[in-house]
Amino acid sequence: MKIERIGDARYELGESPVWDHDGGVLYFVDAEACAVLCYDPGSG
């Protein structure tokens, strides 16, 4: 397994990553900011 950083953004408490295979994106939450976030590796 290779672990690498994605982007330069900072989050209070990023957790619960879920990869959407069909959409090709990573969803995760920032629990402290009460936010659901999405990372698209194709566009950064």
N, C-alpha and C. Protein backbone atom coordinates (compact mmCIF):
# COMPACT_ATOMS: atom_id res chain seq x y z
N MET A 1 0.85 -1.16 0.00
CA MET A 1 0.00 0.00 0.00
C MET A 1 0.90 1.24 0.00
N LYS A 2 0.54 2.18 -0.85
CA LYS A 2 1.27 3.45 -0.90
C LYS A 2 0.35 4.56 -0.43
N ILE A 3 0.78 5.30 0.57
CA ILE A 3 0.00 6.41 1.09
C ILE A 3 0.64 7.71 0.63
N GLU A 4 -0.17 8.61 0.07
CA GLU A 4 0.37 9.89 -0.37
C GLU A 4 -0.63 11.00 -0.07
N ARG A 5 -0.10 12.16 0.11
CA ARG A 5 -0.92 13.34 0.39
C ARG A 5 -1.63 13.79 -0.88
N ILE A 6 -2.88 14.25 -0.72
CA ILE A 6 -3.62 14.76 -1.87
C ILE A 6 -3.91 16.25 -1.62
N GLY A 7 -3.28 17.09 -2.39
CA GLY A 7 -3.52 18.53 -2.28
C GLY A 7 -2.82 19.17 -1.09
N ASP A 8 -3.02 20.47 -0.96
CA ASP A 8 -2.40 21.24 0.11
C ASP A 8 -3.39 21.73 1.15
N ALA A 9 -4.65 21.36 0.99
CA ALA A 9 -5.69 21.83 1.92
C ALA A 9 -5.48 21.24 3.31
N ARG A 10 -5.92 21.99 4.32
CA ARG A 10 -5.85 21.53 5.71
C ARG A 10 -7.27 21.41 6.23
N TYR A 11 -7.51 20.38 7.01
CA TYR A 11 -8.82 20.14 7.58
C TYR A 11 -8.70 19.99 9.09
N GLU A 12 -9.74 20.35 9.80
CA GLU A 12 -9.74 20.23 11.26
C GLU A 12 -9.65 18.77 11.68
N LEU A 13 -10.55 17.95 11.14
CA LEU A 13 -10.59 16.53 11.48
C LEU A 13 -11.15 15.76 10.29
N GLY A 14 -10.30 15.50 9.30
CA GLY A 14 -10.72 14.76 8.12
C GLY A 14 -10.80 13.27 8.43
N GLU A 15 -11.93 12.65 8.10
CA GLU A 15 -12.09 11.23 8.40
C GLU A 15 -13.13 10.57 7.51
N SER A 16 -13.27 9.28 7.64
CA SER A 16 -14.26 8.45 6.95
C SER A 16 -14.18 8.54 5.43
N PRO A 17 -13.02 8.31 4.84
CA PRO A 17 -12.92 8.36 3.38
C PRO A 17 -13.70 7.22 2.73
N VAL A 18 -14.39 7.53 1.63
CA VAL A 18 -15.11 6.54 0.85
C VAL A 18 -14.82 6.81 -0.62
N TRP A 19 -14.28 5.82 -1.30
CA TRP A 19 -13.98 5.95 -2.72
C TRP A 19 -15.21 5.60 -3.53
N ASP A 20 -15.63 6.50 -4.42
CA ASP A 20 -16.74 6.27 -5.35
C ASP A 20 -16.14 5.77 -6.65
N HIS A 21 -16.17 4.47 -6.84
CA HIS A 21 -15.54 3.87 -8.02
C HIS A 21 -16.17 4.36 -9.32
N ASP A 22 -17.49 4.44 -9.35
CA ASP A 22 -18.18 4.88 -10.57
C ASP A 22 -17.86 6.33 -10.91
N GLY A 23 -17.84 7.20 -9.92
CA GLY A 23 -17.57 8.61 -10.14
C GLY A 23 -16.09 8.95 -10.17
N GLY A 24 -15.25 8.05 -9.64
CA GLY A 24 -13.80 8.29 -9.62
C GLY A 24 -13.40 9.40 -8.67
N VAL A 25 -14.16 9.55 -7.57
CA VAL A 25 -13.86 10.61 -6.61
C VAL A 25 -13.83 10.03 -5.18
N LEU A 26 -13.21 10.77 -4.30
CA LEU A 26 -13.10 10.39 -2.90
C LEU A 26 -13.96 11.33 -2.07
N TYR A 27 -14.89 10.77 -1.31
CA TYR A 27 -15.70 11.56 -0.38
C TYR A 27 -15.15 11.36 1.03
N PHE A 28 -15.18 12.42 1.82
CA PHE A 28 -14.76 12.33 3.22
C PHE A 28 -15.40 13.46 3.99
N VAL A 29 -15.33 13.39 5.30
CA VAL A 29 -15.93 14.43 6.12
C VAL A 29 -14.87 15.15 6.93
N ASP A 30 -15.15 16.42 7.21
CA ASP A 30 -14.38 17.18 8.19
C ASP A 30 -15.33 17.35 9.37
N ALA A 31 -15.19 16.49 10.36
CA ALA A 31 -16.13 16.43 11.48
C ALA A 31 -16.20 17.74 12.26
N GLU A 32 -15.09 18.41 12.45
CA GLU A 32 -15.07 19.65 13.20
C GLU A 32 -15.76 20.79 12.45
N ALA A 33 -15.65 20.79 11.13
CA ALA A 33 -16.25 21.86 10.32
C ALA A 33 -17.67 21.50 9.87
N CYS A 34 -18.15 20.32 10.24
CA CYS A 34 -19.48 19.85 9.82
C CYS A 34 -19.63 19.92 8.30
N ALA A 35 -18.64 19.35 7.59
CA ALA A 35 -18.63 19.44 6.13
C ALA A 35 -18.40 18.06 5.51
N VAL A 36 -19.10 17.79 4.41
CA VAL A 36 -18.83 16.63 3.57
C VAL A 36 -18.07 17.15 2.36
N LEU A 37 -16.93 16.54 2.07
CA LEU A 37 -16.04 17.03 1.02
C LEU A 37 -15.84 15.97 -0.05
N CYS A 38 -15.43 16.42 -1.22
CA CYS A 38 -15.20 15.52 -2.35
C CYS A 38 -13.89 15.91 -3.00
N TYR A 39 -13.05 14.91 -3.25
CA TYR A 39 -11.78 15.15 -3.96
C TYR A 39 -11.81 14.40 -5.28
N ASP A 40 -11.58 15.12 -6.36
CA ASP A 40 -11.52 14.55 -7.71
C ASP A 40 -10.06 14.54 -8.16
N PRO A 41 -9.42 13.36 -8.22
CA PRO A 41 -8.01 13.32 -8.60
C PRO A 41 -7.76 13.78 -10.03
N GLY A 42 -8.79 13.74 -10.88
CA GLY A 42 -8.63 14.20 -12.25
C GLY A 42 -8.45 15.70 -12.37
N SER A 43 -9.10 16.44 -11.49
CA SER A 43 -9.02 17.89 -11.56
C SER A 43 -8.28 18.50 -10.36
N GLY A 44 -8.02 17.65 -9.35
CA GLY A 44 -7.32 18.15 -8.16
C GLY A 44 -8.26 18.86 -7.24
